[in-house]
């Protein structure tokens, strides 16, 4: 398990990379980073090669910004074919690694309490909310549910065999 100090440093480093990738700091990007890091720790995954994820936000901003945070935090990318996006319009993702599958979902009560801030649109307020999200303990922010391996549908590549 990562110590609190190391986790803070890791979160800050990954968040900076996510902002560079995504273009700005926003609350949904922060949520995605937090989800990805939590999944990697829970599944004892190094990301990249042994992890796959299906993100349930759909592809419409601002919810879809979660996808960018997860990509940066986990190394799962559309190019590698180990991430997929479904349109359930909820802040959740199903992660699979090493014969384990979990669903990480933002707690409804947290979303409701932050809803006005999450959807505000003012850049300064969005950054402030993202920083607030970065400091909420995982257990207060997300629920984690262990799933069976059959509950996970591996992302399909959208290319033909070469």
C-alpha atoms as a PDB file:
ATOM      1  CA  UNK A   1       0.000   0.000   0.000  1.00  0.00           C
ATOM      2  CA  UNK A   2       1.245   3.447  -0.819  1.00  0.00           C
ATOM      3  CA  UNK A   3       1.882   5.743   2.124  1.00  0.00           C
ATOM      4  CA  UNK A   4      -0.114   8.966   2.403  1.00  0.00           C
ATOM      5  CA  UNK A   5       2.914  11.140   1.591  1.00  0.00           C
ATOM      6  CA  UNK A   6       3.886   9.056  -1.450  1.00  0.00           C
ATOM      7  CA  UNK A   7       0.254   8.952  -2.574  1.00  0.00           C
ATOM      8  CA  UNK A   8       0.066  12.737  -2.381  1.00  0.00           C
ATOM      9  CA  UNK A   9       3.207  13.008  -4.505  1.00  0.00           C
ATOM     10  CA  UNK A  10       1.969  10.372  -6.955  1.00  0.00           C
ATOM     11  CA  UNK A  11      -1.434  12.059  -7.230  1.00  0.00           C
ATOM     12  CA  UNK A  12       0.150  15.460  -7.832  1.00  0.00           C
ATOM     13  CA  UNK A  13       2.496  14.056 -10.514  1.00  0.00           C
ATOM     14  CA  UNK A  14      -0.278  12.164 -12.306  1.00  0.00           C
ATOM     15  CA  UNK A  15      -2.632  15.146 -12.051  1.00  0.00           C
ATOM     16  CA  UNK A  16      -0.012  17.381 -13.702  1.00  0.00           C
ATOM     17  CA  UNK A  17       0.382  14.861 -16.531  1.00  0.00           C
ATOM     18  CA  UNK A  18      -3.398  14.630 -16.879  1.00  0.00           C
ATOM     19  CA  UNK A  19      -3.730  18.426 -17.151  1.00  0.00           C
ATOM     20  CA  UNK A  20      -1.022  18.469 -19.812  1.00  0.00           C
ATOM     21  CA  UNK A  21      -2.826  15.700 -21.732  1.00  0.00           C
ATOM     22  CA  UNK A  22      -6.363  17.043 -21.285  1.00  0.00           C
ATOM     23  CA  UNK A  23      -5.671  20.762 -21.571  1.00  0.00           C
ATOM     24  CA  UNK A  24      -7.057  22.037 -18.266  1.00  0.00           C
ATOM     25  CA  UNK A  25      -7.767  21.027 -14.677  1.00  0.00           C
ATOM     26  CA  UNK A  26     -11.391  20.161 -14.076  1.00  0.00           C
ATOM     27  CA  UNK A  27     -13.335  18.091 -11.568  1.00  0.00           C
ATOM     28  CA  UNK A  28     -14.166  15.225 -13.922  1.00  0.00           C
ATOM     29  CA  UNK A  29     -10.508  14.877 -14.923  1.00  0.00           C
ATOM     30  CA  UNK A  30      -9.613  14.685 -11.212  1.00  0.00           C
ATOM     31  CA  UNK A  31     -12.312  12.047 -10.661  1.00  0.00           C
ATOM     32  CA  UNK A  32     -10.889   9.949 -13.496  1.00  0.00           C
ATOM     33  CA  UNK A  33      -7.352  10.172 -12.152  1.00  0.00           C
ATOM     34  CA  UNK A  34      -8.548   9.178  -8.680  1.00  0.00           C
ATOM     35  CA  UNK A  35     -10.579   6.249 -10.084  1.00  0.00           C
ATOM     36  CA  UNK A  36      -7.625   4.984 -12.104  1.00  0.00           C
ATOM     37  CA  UNK A  37      -5.159   5.176  -9.225  1.00  0.00           C
ATOM     38  CA  UNK A  38      -7.624   3.493  -6.858  1.00  0.00           C
ATOM     39  CA  UNK A  39      -8.200   0.651  -9.327  1.00  0.00           C
ATOM     40  CA  UNK A  40      -4.466   0.117  -9.837  1.00  0.00           C
ATOM     41  CA  UNK A  41      -3.898  -0.097  -6.070  1.00  0.00           C
ATOM     42  CA  UNK A  42      -6.915  -2.339  -5.467  1.00  0.00           C
ATOM     43  CA  UNK A  43      -5.993  -4.726  -8.283  1.00  0.00           C
ATOM     44  CA  UNK A  44      -2.240  -4.513  -7.546  1.00  0.00           C
ATOM     45  CA  UNK A  45      -1.727  -3.588 -11.186  1.00  0.00           C
ATOM     46  CA  UNK A  46       1.085  -1.673 -12.788  1.00  0.00           C
ATOM     47  CA  UNK A  47      -1.382  -0.479 -15.432  1.00  0.00           C
ATOM     48  CA  UNK A  48      -0.374  -0.475 -19.069  1.00  0.00           C
ATOM     49  CA  UNK A  49      -0.021  -4.183 -19.959  1.00  0.00           C
ATOM     50  CA  UNK A  50      -2.104  -6.013 -17.371  1.00  0.00           C
ATOM     51  CA  UNK A  51      -5.126  -3.716 -17.003  1.00  0.00           C
ATOM     52  CA  UNK A  52      -8.273  -3.171 -19.063  1.00  0.00           C
ATOM     53  CA  UNK A  53     -11.135  -0.796 -18.350  1.00  0.00           C
ATOM     54  CA  UNK A  54     -14.621   0.042 -19.542  1.00  0.00           C
ATOM     55  CA  UNK A  55     -15.637   3.579 -18.597  1.00  0.00           C
ATOM     56  CA  UNK A  56     -19.396   4.190 -18.326  1.00  0.00           C
ATOM     57  CA  UNK A  57     -19.516   7.976 -18.768  1.00  0.00           C
ATOM     58  CA  UNK A  58     -20.306   8.119 -22.471  1.00  0.00           C
ATOM     59  CA  UNK A  59     -18.342  10.388 -24.783  1.00  0.00           C
ATOM     60  CA  UNK A  60     -19.977  13.741 -24.077  1.00  0.00           C
ATOM     61  CA  UNK A  61     -18.230  16.337 -21.883  1.00  0.00           C
ATOM     62  CA  UNK A  62     -18.057  17.027 -19.062  1.00  0.00           C
ATOM     63  CA  UNK A  63     -18.651  13.413 -17.908  1.00  0.00           C
ATOM     64  CA  UNK A  64     -16.341  12.068 -20.607  1.00  0.00           C
ATOM     65  CA  UNK A  65     -13.420  14.028 -19.108  1.00  0.00           C
ATOM     66  CA  UNK A  66     -13.253  11.132 -16.625  1.00  0.00           C
ATOM     67  CA  UNK A  67     -11.924   9.006 -19.512  1.00  0.00           C
ATOM     68  CA  UNK A  68      -8.849  11.213 -19.949  1.00  0.00           C
ATOM     69  CA  UNK A  69      -8.067  11.008 -16.232  1.00  0.00           C
ATOM     70  CA  UNK A  70      -8.332   7.227 -16.283  1.00  0.00           C
ATOM     71  CA  UNK A  71      -6.138   6.985 -19.383  1.00  0.00           C
ATOM     72  CA  UNK A  72      -3.353   9.023 -17.805  1.00  0.00           C
ATOM     73  CA  UNK A  73      -3.576   7.328 -14.386  1.00  0.00           C
ATOM     74  CA  UNK A  74      -3.655   3.762 -15.718  1.00  0.00           C
ATOM     75  CA  UNK A  75      -1.883   3.826 -19.060  1.00  0.00           C
ATOM     76  CA  UNK A  76      -4.943   2.244 -20.680  1.00  0.00           C
ATOM     77  CA  UNK A  77      -5.491   3.953 -24.021  1.00  0.00           C
ATOM     78  CA  UNK A  78      -7.708   3.762 -27.058  1.00  0.00           C
ATOM     79  CA  UNK A  79      -4.595   3.161 -29.170  1.00  0.00           C
ATOM     80  CA  UNK A  80      -3.667   0.051 -27.180  1.00  0.00           C
ATOM     81  CA  UNK A  81      -7.255  -1.146 -27.217  1.00  0.00           C
ATOM     82  CA  UNK A  82      -7.426  -1.726 -23.476  1.00  0.00           C
ATOM     83  CA  UNK A  83     -10.019   0.961 -22.764  1.00  0.00           C
ATOM     84  CA  UNK A  84     -13.603   1.255 -23.960  1.00  0.00           C
ATOM     85  CA  UNK A  85     -16.332   3.795 -23.298  1.00  0.00           C
ATOM     86  CA  UNK A  86     -19.998   2.926 -22.906  1.00  0.00           C
ATOM     87  CA  UNK A  87     -22.868   5.370 -22.699  1.00  0.00           C
ATOM     88  CA  UNK A  88     -24.424   4.659 -19.307  1.00  0.00           C
ATOM     89  CA  UNK A  89     -24.038   8.352 -18.353  1.00  0.00           C
ATOM     90  CA  UNK A  90     -22.758   7.504 -14.894  1.00  0.00           C
ATOM     91  CA  UNK A  91     -19.461   8.112 -13.185  1.00  0.00           C
ATOM     92  CA  UNK A  92     -18.272   4.524 -12.983  1.00  0.00           C
ATOM     93  CA  UNK A  93     -15.773   2.208 -14.598  1.00  0.00           C
ATOM     94  CA  UNK A  94     -15.115  -1.523 -14.596  1.00  0.00           C
ATOM     95  CA  UNK A  95     -11.451  -2.482 -14.271  1.00  0.00           C
ATOM     96  CA  UNK A  96      -9.970  -5.920 -14.919  1.00  0.00           C
ATOM     97  CA  UNK A  97      -6.479  -7.197 -14.102  1.00  0.00           C
ATOM     98  CA  UNK A  98      -4.946 -10.469 -12.992  1.00  0.00           C
ATOM     99  CA  UNK A  99      -8.229 -12.415 -12.997  1.00  0.00           C
ATOM    100  CA  UNK A 100      -9.967  -9.796 -10.810  1.00  0.00           C
ATOM    101  CA  UNK A 101     -12.667  -7.381 -11.859  1.00  0.00           C
ATOM    102  CA  UNK A 102     -13.948  -4.411  -9.888  1.00  0.00           C
ATOM    103  CA  UNK A 103     -16.412  -1.613 -10.481  1.00  0.00           C
ATOM    104  CA  UNK A 104     -15.433   1.791  -9.124  1.00  0.00           C
ATOM    105  CA  UNK A 105     -18.319   4.246  -8.920  1.00  0.00           C
ATOM    106  CA  UNK A 106     -18.525   7.775  -7.588  1.00  0.00           C
ATOM    107  CA  UNK A 107     -20.894   7.763  -4.636  1.00  0.00           C
ATOM    108  CA  UNK A 108     -24.240   9.330  -5.526  1.00  0.00           C
ATOM    109  CA  UNK A 109     -24.364  11.421  -2.366  1.00  0.00           C
ATOM    110  CA  UNK A 110     -20.941  12.937  -3.149  1.00  0.00           C
ATOM    111  CA  UNK A 111     -21.993  13.701  -6.720  1.00  0.00           C
ATOM    112  CA  UNK A 112     -25.203  15.321  -5.482  1.00  0.00           C
ATOM    113  CA  UNK A 113     -23.356  17.411  -2.898  1.00  0.00           C
ATOM    114  CA  UNK A 114     -20.860  18.637  -5.510  1.00  0.00           C
ATOM    115  CA  UNK A 115     -23.257  18.772  -8.478  1.00  0.00           C
ATOM    116  CA  UNK A 116     -23.493  22.568  -8.632  1.00  0.00           C
ATOM    117  CA  UNK A 117     -19.712  22.895  -8.484  1.00  0.00           C
ATOM    118  CA  UNK A 118     -19.113  20.026 -10.916  1.00  0.00           C
ATOM    119  CA  UNK A 119     -21.305  21.533 -13.602  1.00  0.00           C
ATOM    120  CA  UNK A 120     -20.571  25.231 -12.916  1.00  0.00           C
ATOM    121  CA  UNK A 121     -18.444  25.875 -16.012  1.00  0.00           C
ATOM    122  CA  UNK A 122     -16.385  28.693 -14.465  1.00  0.00           C
ATOM    123  CA  UNK A 123     -12.724  27.714 -14.956  1.00  0.00           C
ATOM    124  CA  UNK A 124     -11.553  29.012 -11.583  1.00  0.00           C
ATOM    125  CA  UNK A 125     -14.369  27.267  -9.693  1.00  0.00           C
ATOM    126  CA  UNK A 126     -13.778  24.047 -11.668  1.00  0.00           C
ATOM    127  CA  UNK A 127     -10.102  24.045 -10.645  1.00  0.00           C
ATOM    128  CA  UNK A 128     -11.071  24.672  -7.019  1.00  0.00           C
ATOM    129  CA  UNK A 129     -13.552  21.766  -7.148  1.00  0.00           C
ATOM    130  CA  UNK A 130     -10.901  19.526  -8.756  1.00  0.00           C
ATOM    131  CA  UNK A 131      -8.513  20.306  -5.890  1.00  0.00           C
ATOM    132  CA  UNK A 132     -11.317  19.566  -3.399  1.00  0.00           C
ATOM    133  CA  UNK A 133     -11.977  16.207  -5.099  1.00  0.00           C
ATOM    134  CA  UNK A 134      -8.262  15.418  -4.942  1.00  0.00           C
ATOM    135  CA  UNK A 135      -8.347  15.680  -1.145  1.00  0.00           C
ATOM    136  CA  UNK A 136     -11.477  13.593  -0.419  1.00  0.00           C
ATOM    137  CA  UNK A 137     -10.562  10.120   0.919  1.00  0.00           C
ATOM    138  CA  UNK A 138     -11.218   7.274  -1.541  1.00  0.00           C
ATOM    139  CA  UNK A 139     -13.726   5.598   0.791  1.00  0.00           C
ATOM    140  CA  UNK A 140     -15.866   8.758   0.916  1.00  0.00           C
ATOM    141  CA  UNK A 141     -15.630   9.441  -2.820  1.00  0.00           C
ATOM    142  CA  UNK A 142     -16.104   5.990  -4.379  1.00  0.00           C
ATOM    143  CA  UNK A 143     -17.749   2.640  -3.875  1.00  0.00           C
ATOM    144  CA  UNK A 144     -15.861  -0.448  -5.025  1.00  0.00           C
ATOM    145  CA  UNK A 145     -17.612  -3.671  -5.905  1.00  0.00           C
ATOM    146  CA  UNK A 146     -15.868  -6.922  -6.709  1.00  0.00           C
ATOM    147  CA  UNK A 147     -17.335  -8.484  -9.859  1.00  0.00           C
ATOM    148  CA  UNK A 148     -16.900 -11.849 -11.478  1.00  0.00           C
ATOM    149  CA  UNK A 149     -14.586 -12.113 -14.452  1.00  0.00           C
ATOM    150  CA  UNK A 150     -17.565 -12.835 -16.713  1.00  0.00           C
ATOM    151  CA  UNK A 151     -19.032  -9.420 -15.779  1.00  0.00           C
ATOM    152  CA  UNK A 152     -16.176  -7.760 -17.642  1.00  0.00           C
ATOM    153  CA  UNK A 153     -16.437  -7.401 -21.396  1.00  0.00           C
ATOM    154  CA  UNK A 154     -12.933  -6.897 -22.724  1.00  0.00           C
ATOM    155  CA  UNK A 155     -12.632  -3.780 -24.895  1.00  0.00           C
ATOM    156  CA  UNK A 156     -12.709  -4.646 -28.586  1.00  0.00           C
ATOM    157  CA  UNK A 157     -10.229  -3.189 -30.999  1.00  0.00           C
ATOM    158  CA  UNK A 158     -11.750  -1.221 -33.836  1.00  0.00           C
ATOM    159  CA  UNK A 159      -9.231  -2.349 -36.411  1.00  0.00           C
ATOM    160  CA  UNK A 160      -9.158  -5.302 -38.726  1.00  0.00           C
ATOM    161  CA  UNK A 161      -6.447  -7.929 -38.495  1.00  0.00           C
ATOM    162  CA  UNK A 162      -3.360  -7.020 -40.465  1.00  0.00           C
END
